[in-house]
Amino acid sequence: MGAPTGDGVRIHTRRKGKGMPKKISYTATASAKGGREGQVRSDDGILDEKLAVLVQMGRPGGTLTNPEQLFVAAYAACFEGAVRLIARTTNVAIGPDSRVTANVGVGVREKGGFELAVTLEVFLDGVDEEIQWLLAQKAHEEICPCSHTTRGNVEVTIKAA
């Protein structure tokens, strides 16, 4: 635990063998108010969404988004960008219909609380399935910050479509 500050207590969590980035290029900031039935807003106002608790979690649900959808959309975009970077740097041409579909499941942990499981489905238009999988694996291991963040904390399965 970090030292107390005038604003509260700082808690530092670092996974064994993991360090901080050498240089922070961008910091995204968002606030949540009201939890799962509240609202999230980025500091610049570009993201401003009301949230609803899922029907599957015993609540009304509805047409509003939820934290899992926000997470899975971010992971899909981040991972697809990493796969494209690996394809470009290894001179693998990919077609215009290439995409990553991410699925996130949320469930109860054995020790209580909740946890996530992620499946990333990679489709690279015009690329052999084995090459798709190799590019995706390299993106997962070396490039994607979402993959680095979840590693060791969230089960992530990668599939070539």
Protein backbone atom coordinates (compact mmCIF):
# COMPACT_ATOMS: atom_id res chain seq x y z
CA MET A 1 0.00 0.00 0.00
CA GLY A 2 1.28 3.46 -0.83
CA ALA A 3 1.73 6.36 1.54
CA PRO A 4 -1.34 8.35 2.64
CA THR A 5 -1.92 11.62 0.84
CA GLY A 6 -4.13 14.59 1.56
CA ASP A 7 -6.65 13.09 -0.89
CA GLY A 8 -6.72 9.63 0.66
CA VAL A 9 -4.58 6.54 0.41
CA ARG A 10 -2.68 5.53 -2.69
CA ILE A 11 -2.72 1.85 -3.45
CA HIS A 12 -0.11 0.52 -5.86
CA THR A 13 -0.70 -2.84 -7.46
CA ARG A 14 1.97 -4.30 -9.68
CA ARG A 15 2.09 -7.83 -11.00
CA LYS A 16 5.33 -9.68 -10.46
CA GLY A 17 7.75 -9.03 -13.29
CA LYS A 18 5.66 -6.20 -14.73
CA GLY A 19 6.78 -2.60 -14.83
CA MET A 20 5.35 0.72 -15.79
CA PRO A 21 5.61 2.05 -19.35
CA LYS A 22 8.85 3.96 -19.98
CA LYS A 23 6.83 6.91 -21.20
CA ILE A 24 3.09 7.58 -20.99
CA SER A 25 1.93 8.77 -24.44
CA TYR A 26 -1.72 9.35 -23.57
CA THR A 27 -3.87 9.26 -20.46
CA ALA A 28 -7.60 8.65 -20.81
CA THR A 29 -9.76 9.84 -17.93
CA ALA A 30 -13.35 8.92 -17.18
CA SER A 31 -15.61 9.08 -14.16
CA ALA A 32 -18.44 6.84 -13.08
CA LYS A 33 -21.30 7.96 -10.90
CA GLY A 34 -24.04 5.61 -9.70
CA GLY A 35 -22.20 2.35 -10.41
CA ARG A 36 -23.80 -0.12 -12.82
CA GLU A 37 -27.06 1.86 -12.86
CA GLY A 38 -25.37 5.22 -13.21
CA GLN A 39 -23.41 7.04 -15.87
CA VAL A 40 -19.87 7.13 -17.24
CA ARG A 41 -18.31 10.22 -18.77
CA SER A 42 -14.88 10.96 -20.18
CA ASP A 43 -13.20 14.17 -19.11
CA ASP A 44 -13.64 15.61 -22.63
CA GLY A 45 -17.32 14.59 -22.82
CA ILE A 46 -16.89 12.49 -25.98
CA LEU A 47 -17.93 9.41 -24.03
CA ASP A 48 -21.08 10.09 -22.03
CA GLU A 49 -23.24 7.03 -21.45
CA LYS A 50 -25.94 5.98 -19.05
CA LEU A 51 -25.56 2.42 -17.76
CA ALA A 52 -27.97 -0.39 -16.91
CA VAL A 53 -27.53 -3.63 -15.02
CA LEU A 54 -28.06 -6.67 -17.21
CA VAL A 55 -31.22 -8.78 -17.12
CA GLN A 56 -28.88 -11.74 -16.63
CA MET A 57 -27.76 -10.12 -13.36
CA GLY A 58 -31.33 -9.85 -12.12
CA ARG A 59 -32.08 -6.26 -13.15
CA PRO A 60 -34.27 -4.61 -15.79
CA GLY A 61 -31.51 -4.21 -18.40
CA GLY A 62 -32.97 -2.28 -21.29
CA THR A 63 -31.41 -0.37 -24.16
CA LEU A 64 -28.53 1.13 -22.19
CA THR A 65 -24.94 -0.10 -22.30
CA ASN A 66 -23.05 -1.79 -19.47
CA PRO A 67 -19.43 -1.90 -18.30
CA GLU A 68 -18.80 -5.24 -20.02
CA GLN A 69 -19.83 -3.81 -23.42
CA LEU A 70 -17.53 -0.83 -22.93
CA PHE A 71 -14.65 -3.14 -21.96
CA VAL A 72 -15.20 -5.60 -24.80
CA ALA A 73 -15.48 -2.83 -27.42
CA ALA A 74 -12.22 -1.30 -26.20
CA TYR A 75 -10.45 -4.68 -26.19
CA ALA A 76 -11.71 -5.55 -29.71
CA ALA A 77 -10.51 -2.21 -31.14
CA CYS A 78 -7.18 -2.36 -29.33
CA PHE A 79 -6.51 -5.97 -30.35
CA GLU A 80 -7.55 -5.42 -33.96
CA GLY A 81 -5.13 -2.49 -34.14
CA ALA A 82 -2.34 -4.66 -32.72
CA VAL A 83 -3.05 -7.45 -35.24
CA ARG A 84 -3.00 -4.91 -38.09
CA LEU A 85 0.35 -3.58 -36.86
CA ILE A 86 1.85 -7.08 -36.74
CA ALA A 87 0.47 -7.84 -40.22
CA ARG A 88 1.93 -4.61 -41.61
CA THR A 89 5.36 -5.12 -40.01
CA THR A 90 5.53 -8.72 -41.27
CA ASN A 91 4.35 -7.77 -44.79
CA VAL A 92 1.12 -9.77 -44.60
CA ALA A 93 -1.58 -8.13 -46.72
CA ILE A 94 -5.04 -8.26 -45.18
CA GLY A 95 -8.31 -7.57 -46.95
CA PRO A 96 -10.90 -4.88 -46.19
CA ASP A 97 -13.28 -7.23 -44.34
CA SER A 98 -10.74 -8.07 -41.62
CA ARG A 99 -12.03 -7.73 -38.06
CA VAL A 100 -11.75 -8.84 -34.46
CA THR A 101 -14.86 -9.85 -32.56
CA ALA A 102 -14.40 -9.89 -28.82
CA ASN A 103 -16.70 -11.68 -26.40
CA VAL A 104 -16.59 -11.08 -22.66
CA GLY A 105 -18.35 -13.25 -20.14
CA VAL A 106 -18.90 -12.22 -16.55
CA GLY A 107 -19.56 -14.72 -13.80
CA VAL A 108 -19.25 -15.41 -10.11
CA ARG A 109 -15.81 -16.37 -8.79
CA GLU A 110 -15.33 -19.37 -6.52
CA LYS A 111 -13.94 -17.03 -3.84
CA GLY A 112 -16.84 -14.59 -4.23
CA GLY A 113 -17.18 -11.49 -6.34
CA PHE A 114 -17.10 -11.58 -10.12
CA GLU A 115 -14.58 -12.19 -12.87
CA LEU A 116 -14.34 -12.00 -16.64
CA ALA A 117 -13.42 -14.41 -19.43
CA VAL A 118 -12.57 -13.14 -22.92
CA THR A 119 -12.62 -14.77 -26.35
CA LEU A 120 -11.05 -12.91 -29.27
CA GLU A 121 -12.14 -14.11 -32.72
CA VAL A 122 -9.75 -12.89 -35.40
CA PHE A 123 -10.72 -12.86 -39.07
CA LEU A 124 -8.12 -11.57 -41.52
CA ASP A 125 -9.63 -11.35 -44.97
CA GLY A 126 -7.53 -13.25 -47.52
CA VAL A 127 -5.11 -14.72 -44.96
CA ASP A 128 -4.60 -18.42 -44.22
CA GLU A 129 -6.10 -19.49 -40.86
CA GLU A 130 -2.74 -20.62 -39.44
CA ILE A 131 -1.13 -17.26 -40.34
CA GLN A 132 -4.12 -15.45 -38.79
CA TRP A 133 -3.59 -17.34 -35.54
CA LEU A 134 0.18 -16.67 -35.53
CA LEU A 135 -0.34 -12.94 -36.11
CA ALA A 136 -3.00 -12.83 -33.39
CA GLN A 137 -0.77 -14.68 -30.94
CA LYS A 138 2.11 -12.28 -31.61
CA ALA A 139 -0.22 -9.28 -31.16
CA HIS A 140 -1.45 -10.78 -27.86
CA GLU A 141 2.03 -11.52 -26.53
CA GLU A 142 3.91 -8.46 -27.75
CA ILE A 143 1.73 -5.47 -28.67
CA CYS A 144 -1.82 -5.14 -27.34
CA PRO A 145 -1.96 -3.20 -24.04
CA CYS A 146 -5.33 -4.76 -23.17
CA SER A 147 -3.73 -8.21 -23.52
CA HIS A 148 -0.81 -7.13 -21.34
CA THR A 149 -3.24 -5.82 -18.72
CA THR A 150 -5.40 -8.94 -18.62
CA ARG A 151 -2.56 -11.47 -18.74
CA GLY A 152 -2.54 -13.51 -15.56
CA ASN A 153 -5.81 -11.94 -14.42
CA VAL A 154 -8.38 -12.87 -17.07
CA GLU A 155 -8.70 -16.04 -19.13
CA VAL A 156 -8.26 -14.99 -22.78
CA THR A 157 -8.91 -17.41 -25.64
CA ILE A 158 -7.83 -16.50 -29.17
CA LYS A 159 -9.48 -18.06 -32.21
CA ALA A 160 -8.74 -17.61 -35.90
CA ALA A 161 -12.02 -17.44 -37.81
